[in-house]
Amino acid sequence: MDKNFKKIALIGYPKNTDVIATIKSLYSWLTNKNVEILLDQRLSNIEGLDSEFYALDLIGSSADLAIIIGGDGVMLNAARVLSKFDISVIGINKGNLGFLTDISPENYHTEINGVLAGDYYSENRFLLSFSILRDNKFIINKVALNEVVLHPIQIANLIEFDVFVNKRFLFNQRSDGLIVATPTGSTAYSLSGGGPIISPNLNAITLVPKFPHTLSSRPIVISADNTINLKITSDKNPLAITFDGHETIPLQRNDQVIIKKSKHTLNLIHPNSYDYYNVLRNKLGWSNKFF
């Protein structure tokens, strides 16, 4: 059922004048609508924004709709917080690729107007939840929208680890690491590592080896209802976990990294003109010729 968006949050990272100009233009345009505007606290230094500023968790619990202004990195940062709340999220692309922030900043008036009128497409993107088990104690619990990556701390060092799925042994590997990706993340780091593109509506997780020391190692796609367990079997080269390119967490020998589908999902919405396959063609430079 379509939501009636009355409390709208603007979220962004004002890193340059172009992004700031888009945020100010959107704010000015929305003030003429019958909506309440909430602002990301990172926008507090922008002149001319006369509304309350909030942290992301307060935005998630208060707003009906969050408009992300920026690239996919800004969306990823917000999604890890906003997915815990009943809030819809849409993105205006001011980055490079824009797989998640798909509205053009030159045409946001028309497309956001349609969204406010209830003319939009909604989908739920699942996240990955991962924990680190050390000495029989969970020391950390985080979520990722795109991927969780096991890798050496120092570049070009082989690492060794075991992979289990639902406590069943899958393989032991010596490689530069492993990418565990959601369908959303299948067009990100996983794709550059040779992983398959997974349709966003599939309940699947991709395991993509990074430069494995064997010719037979290949990416594998499993059900997202499975639990993945990575066991660190060597301390010869220091290892770490990185998620969504956001934070790196060092690991120790005998640590276990437990990865599974999060109970939270991101309610991502698009204009009704949104076409996932058209996005792939445009972003990845595929042929647009139709026979």
Protein backbone atom coordinates (compact mmCIF):
# COMPACT_ATOMS: atom_id res chain seq x y z
CA MET A 1 0.00 0.00 0.00
CA ASP A 2 1.31 3.45 -0.89
CA LYS A 3 2.33 5.65 2.01
CA ASN A 4 1.21 9.23 2.50
CA PHE A 5 4.53 11.04 2.92
CA LYS A 6 4.07 13.99 5.29
CA LYS A 7 7.43 13.98 7.08
CA ILE A 8 10.33 14.07 4.65
CA ALA A 9 14.00 13.94 5.60
CA LEU A 10 16.87 15.22 3.48
CA ILE A 11 20.09 13.27 3.95
CA GLY A 12 23.44 14.00 2.40
CA TYR A 13 27.10 14.72 2.82
CA PRO A 14 27.84 18.27 1.59
CA LYS A 15 31.31 17.57 0.24
CA ASN A 16 31.22 20.02 -2.68
CA THR A 17 29.33 23.04 -3.99
CA ASP A 18 27.39 20.99 -6.54
CA VAL A 19 25.90 18.72 -3.86
CA ILE A 20 25.16 21.72 -1.63
CA ALA A 21 23.37 23.51 -4.48
CA THR A 22 21.16 20.45 -5.10
CA ILE A 23 20.32 20.13 -1.39
CA LYS A 24 19.38 23.83 -1.16
CA SER A 25 17.31 23.66 -4.34
CA LEU A 26 15.44 20.56 -3.14
CA TYR A 27 14.86 22.11 0.30
CA SER A 28 13.46 25.30 -1.23
CA TRP A 29 11.20 23.29 -3.52
CA LEU A 30 9.87 21.08 -0.69
CA THR A 31 9.08 24.05 1.55
CA ASN A 32 6.27 24.89 -0.87
CA LYS A 33 4.74 21.46 -0.36
CA ASN A 34 2.45 20.52 2.50
CA VAL A 35 5.15 18.47 4.25
CA GLU A 36 7.34 18.68 7.33
CA ILE A 37 11.06 18.70 6.56
CA LEU A 38 13.69 17.03 8.75
CA LEU A 39 17.37 17.57 8.00
CA ASP A 40 20.42 15.36 8.41
CA GLN A 41 22.66 16.89 11.09
CA ARG A 42 25.57 16.87 8.62
CA LEU A 43 23.73 19.63 6.69
CA SER A 44 23.77 22.05 9.62
CA ASN A 45 26.56 24.20 8.14
CA ILE A 46 24.62 24.95 4.94
CA GLU A 47 23.16 28.44 4.99
CA GLY A 48 19.46 28.92 4.31
CA LEU A 49 18.17 25.64 5.76
CA ASP A 50 15.64 26.65 8.39
CA SER A 51 14.52 23.31 9.85
CA GLU A 52 15.50 21.00 12.68
CA PHE A 53 18.61 18.83 12.29
CA TYR A 54 18.62 15.19 13.39
CA ALA A 55 20.88 12.16 13.66
CA LEU A 56 20.05 9.29 11.30
CA ASP A 57 18.41 7.13 13.97
CA LEU A 58 16.05 9.96 14.94
CA ILE A 59 15.25 10.54 11.28
CA GLY A 60 14.44 6.84 10.93
CA SER A 61 12.03 6.89 13.85
CA SER A 62 10.36 10.18 12.90
CA ALA A 63 10.16 10.58 9.11
CA ASP A 64 8.01 8.80 6.51
CA LEU A 65 10.41 9.30 3.61
CA ALA A 66 14.15 9.93 3.41
CA ILE A 67 15.58 11.52 0.27
CA ILE A 68 19.29 10.73 -0.08
CA ILE A 69 21.32 13.29 -2.05
CA GLY A 70 24.68 11.92 -3.14
CA GLY A 71 26.22 8.75 -4.48
CA ASP A 72 25.76 5.11 -3.55
CA GLY A 73 28.22 5.52 -0.66
CA VAL A 74 25.93 8.04 1.03
CA MET A 75 23.00 5.68 0.48
CA LEU A 76 24.92 2.74 1.99
CA ASN A 77 25.83 4.74 5.06
CA ALA A 78 22.21 5.79 5.62
CA ALA A 79 20.74 2.38 4.76
CA ARG A 80 22.58 0.57 7.55
CA VAL A 81 20.78 2.81 10.05
CA LEU A 82 17.43 3.47 8.35
CA SER A 83 16.78 -0.22 7.61
CA LYS A 84 15.90 -0.65 11.30
CA PHE A 85 12.89 1.65 10.93
CA ASP A 86 9.61 1.82 8.99
CA ILE A 87 10.79 4.52 6.59
CA SER A 88 10.93 4.64 2.78
CA VAL A 89 14.16 5.72 1.09
CA ILE A 90 14.81 7.21 -2.34
CA GLY A 91 18.01 8.61 -3.85
CA ILE A 92 19.00 11.56 -6.03
CA ASN A 93 22.27 10.72 -7.76
CA LYS A 94 25.18 13.10 -7.23
CA GLY A 95 27.83 10.39 -7.41
CA ASN A 96 29.47 8.31 -10.12
CA LEU A 97 27.46 5.12 -10.75
CA GLY A 98 24.15 5.60 -8.99
CA PHE A 99 22.81 2.03 -8.83
CA LEU A 100 20.91 2.95 -5.65
CA THR A 101 20.52 6.71 -6.07
CA ASP A 102 18.77 6.62 -9.41
CA ILE A 103 16.90 9.95 -9.73
CA SER A 104 18.56 12.55 -11.92
CA PRO A 105 19.20 15.86 -10.07
CA GLU A 106 18.03 17.70 -13.20
CA ASN A 107 14.64 15.99 -13.16
CA TYR A 108 13.87 15.46 -9.48
CA HIS A 109 10.84 17.81 -9.49
CA THR A 110 8.79 15.57 -11.77
CA GLU A 111 9.86 12.28 -10.22
CA ILE A 112 9.56 13.34 -6.57
CA ASN A 113 6.16 14.90 -7.35
CA GLY A 114 5.05 11.51 -8.63
CA VAL A 115 6.35 9.81 -5.49
CA LEU A 116 4.47 12.26 -3.24
CA ALA A 117 1.33 11.54 -5.25
CA GLY A 118 1.74 7.81 -4.62
CA ASP A 119 3.11 6.99 -8.07
CA TYR A 120 6.18 4.90 -7.25
CA TYR A 121 7.64 1.43 -7.20
CA SER A 122 8.69 -0.07 -3.85
CA GLU A 123 11.03 -2.96 -3.06
CA ASN A 124 12.66 -4.39 0.04
CA ARG A 125 16.42 -4.98 -0.13
CA PHE A 126 17.79 -7.31 2.53
CA LEU A 127 21.02 -6.66 4.42
CA LEU A 128 23.65 -9.00 5.81
CA SER A 129 24.20 -9.29 9.53
CA PHE A 130 27.63 -10.43 10.65
CA SER A 131 29.19 -11.19 14.01
CA ILE A 132 32.72 -11.98 15.13
CA LEU A 133 33.07 -14.83 17.60
CA ARG A 134 36.28 -14.76 19.64
CA ASP A 135 37.02 -17.06 22.56
CA ASN A 136 33.35 -18.13 22.60
CA LYS A 137 32.19 -14.52 22.95
CA PHE A 138 30.56 -12.31 20.32
CA ILE A 139 32.65 -9.15 20.21
CA ILE A 140 30.93 -7.28 17.41
CA ASN A 141 27.68 -7.28 15.41
CA LYS A 142 27.25 -5.14 12.29
CA VAL A 143 25.10 -4.99 9.13
CA ALA A 144 25.98 -4.45 5.48
CA LEU A 145 23.80 -3.66 2.49
CA ASN A 146 26.33 -4.56 -0.22
CA GLU A 147 28.94 -6.98 1.03
CA VAL A 148 31.14 -8.35 3.77
CA VAL A 149 34.76 -8.90 2.67
CA LEU A 150 37.41 -11.10 4.30
CA HIS A 151 40.89 -9.95 3.24
CA PRO A 152 44.53 -9.59 4.34
CA ILE A 153 45.49 -6.38 6.09
CA GLN A 154 48.61 -6.14 3.93
CA ILE A 155 48.10 -6.15 0.17
CA ALA A 156 49.11 -9.15 -1.97
CA ASN A 157 49.35 -11.60 0.93
CA LEU A 158 47.62 -14.97 0.69
CA ILE A 159 45.38 -15.86 3.62
CA GLU A 160 43.89 -19.21 4.63
CA PHE A 161 40.40 -19.82 5.96
CA ASP A 162 37.58 -22.40 6.08
CA VAL A 163 34.05 -21.76 4.84
CA PHE A 164 30.99 -23.51 6.29
CA VAL A 165 27.36 -23.18 5.19
CA ASN A 166 24.78 -24.16 7.82
CA LYS A 167 27.66 -25.80 9.76
CA ARG A 168 28.52 -27.99 6.76
CA PHE A 169 32.05 -27.67 5.42
CA LEU A 170 32.17 -26.04 1.98
CA PHE A 171 35.88 -25.48 1.31
CA ASN A 172 39.26 -24.46 2.65
CA GLN A 173 40.91 -21.74 0.66
CA ARG A 174 44.19 -19.92 0.23
CA SER A 175 43.48 -16.67 -1.56
CA ASP A 176 43.37 -12.90 -1.21
CA GLY A 177 40.05 -13.27 0.55
CA LEU A 178 36.33 -13.76 0.03
CA ILE A 179 33.47 -11.42 -0.91
CA VAL A 180 30.06 -12.30 0.56
CA ALA A 181 27.53 -10.17 -1.30
CA THR A 182 23.79 -9.48 -1.37
CA PRO A 183 21.92 -9.05 -4.67
CA THR A 184 22.22 -5.29 -4.08
CA GLY A 185 25.98 -5.69 -3.73
CA SER A 186 26.28 -7.94 -6.76
CA THR A 187 26.79 -4.86 -8.95
CA ALA A 188 29.45 -3.43 -6.62
CA TYR A 189 32.75 -4.94 -5.40
CA SER A 190 31.52 -8.47 -6.12
CA LEU A 191 31.06 -7.59 -9.80
CA SER A 192 34.60 -6.23 -10.09
CA GLY A 193 35.82 -9.49 -8.53
CA GLY A 194 34.15 -11.60 -11.21
CA GLY A 195 30.92 -12.36 -9.39
CA PRO A 196 27.52 -12.72 -11.10
CA ILE A 197 24.87 -10.02 -11.23
CA ILE A 198 21.93 -11.15 -9.07
CA SER A 199 18.46 -9.71 -9.59
CA PRO A 200 17.53 -7.64 -6.50
CA ASN A 201 14.34 -9.63 -5.86
CA LEU A 202 16.18 -12.94 -5.40
CA ASN A 203 16.73 -14.40 -1.95
CA ALA A 204 20.37 -15.24 -2.60
CA ILE A 205 23.90 -14.58 -1.37
CA THR A 206 27.02 -14.76 -3.53
CA LEU A 207 30.41 -16.02 -2.34
CA VAL A 208 33.17 -14.69 -4.58
CA PRO A 209 36.80 -15.78 -3.99
CA LYS A 210 39.44 -13.09 -4.42
CA PHE A 211 42.39 -14.33 -6.50
CA PRO A 212 42.20 -17.94 -5.27
CA HIS A 213 45.36 -20.04 -5.44
CA THR A 214 43.63 -22.68 -7.54
CA LEU A 215 42.20 -22.70 -11.06
CA SER A 216 39.03 -24.56 -10.04
CA SER A 217 37.67 -22.01 -7.55
CA ARG A 218 34.55 -20.22 -8.77
CA PRO A 219 31.85 -17.95 -7.30
CA ILE A 220 28.91 -19.78 -5.75
CA VAL A 221 25.35 -18.57 -5.16
CA ILE A 222 23.47 -19.91 -2.16
CA SER A 223 20.13 -19.27 -0.48
CA ALA A 224 20.09 -16.18 1.72
CA ASP A 225 18.39 -18.29 4.39
CA ASN A 226 21.70 -20.06 5.00
CA THR A 227 24.22 -19.12 7.66
CA ILE A 228 27.84 -18.70 6.56
CA ASN A 229 30.69 -19.33 8.95
CA LEU A 230 34.26 -18.23 8.13
CA LYS A 231 36.94 -19.76 10.34
CA ILE A 232 40.39 -18.20 10.43
CA THR A 233 42.91 -21.04 10.29
CA SER A 234 46.24 -19.23 10.04
CA ASP A 235 47.89 -16.22 11.64
CA LYS A 236 50.78 -16.05 9.17
CA ASN A 237 49.27 -12.96 7.56
CA PRO A 238 46.95 -10.64 9.53
CA LEU A 239 43.32 -10.67 8.35
CA ALA A 240 40.44 -8.24 8.55
CA ILE A 241 36.77 -7.84 7.74
CA THR A 242 35.52 -4.83 5.77
CA PHE A 243 31.83 -4.14 5.15
CA ASP A 244 30.37 -1.85 2.47
CA GLY A 245 33.85 -0.31 2.15
CA HIS A 246 32.99 1.52 5.36
CA GLU A 247 34.97 0.06 8.25
CA THR A 248 37.82 -2.43 8.63
CA ILE A 249 37.89 -4.77 11.65
CA PRO A 250 41.09 -6.77 12.37
CA LEU A 251 40.76 -10.48 13.05
CA GLN A 252 42.78 -13.01 15.05
CA ARG A 253 43.57 -16.66 14.50
CA ASN A 254 40.65 -18.92 15.48
CA ASP A 255 38.16 -16.08 15.13
CA GLN A 256 34.89 -17.00 13.46
CA VAL A 257 32.89 -14.63 11.27
CA ILE A 258 29.20 -15.59 11.18
CA ILE A 259 27.20 -14.06 8.33
CA LYS A 260 23.46 -14.35 7.71
CA LYS A 261 20.53 -12.38 6.37
CA SER A 262 19.55 -9.53 8.65
CA LYS A 263 16.04 -9.36 10.06
CA HIS A 264 15.90 -5.76 8.78
CA THR A 265 15.30 -4.67 5.18
CA LEU A 266 15.70 -1.38 3.36
CA ASN A 267 12.42 -0.10 1.90
CA LEU A 268 13.85 1.38 -1.30
CA ILE A 269 11.47 3.21 -3.63
CA HIS A 270 11.80 4.41 -7.22
CA PRO A 271 9.72 6.37 -9.71
CA ASN A 272 7.35 4.08 -11.61
CA SER A 273 9.52 4.62 -14.70
CA TYR A 274 12.36 2.74 -12.95
CA ASP A 275 13.70 -0.22 -14.96
CA TYR A 276 16.46 -2.29 -13.32
CA TYR A 277 17.65 -3.70 -16.65
CA ASN A 278 17.82 -0.25 -18.17
CA VAL A 279 19.97 0.79 -15.19
CA LEU A 280 22.33 -2.12 -15.89
CA ARG A 281 22.59 -1.22 -19.58
CA ASN A 282 23.35 2.42 -18.87
CA LYS A 283 25.69 1.99 -15.92
CA LEU A 284 27.67 -0.94 -17.35
CA GLY A 285 27.82 0.30 -20.94
CA TRP A 286 25.85 -2.53 -22.50
CA SER A 287 24.42 -2.18 -25.97
CA ASN A 288 21.04 -0.40 -26.12
CA LYS A 289 20.30 -1.76 -29.59
CA PHE A 290 16.93 -3.51 -29.69
CA PHE A 291 16.15 -6.01 -32.44
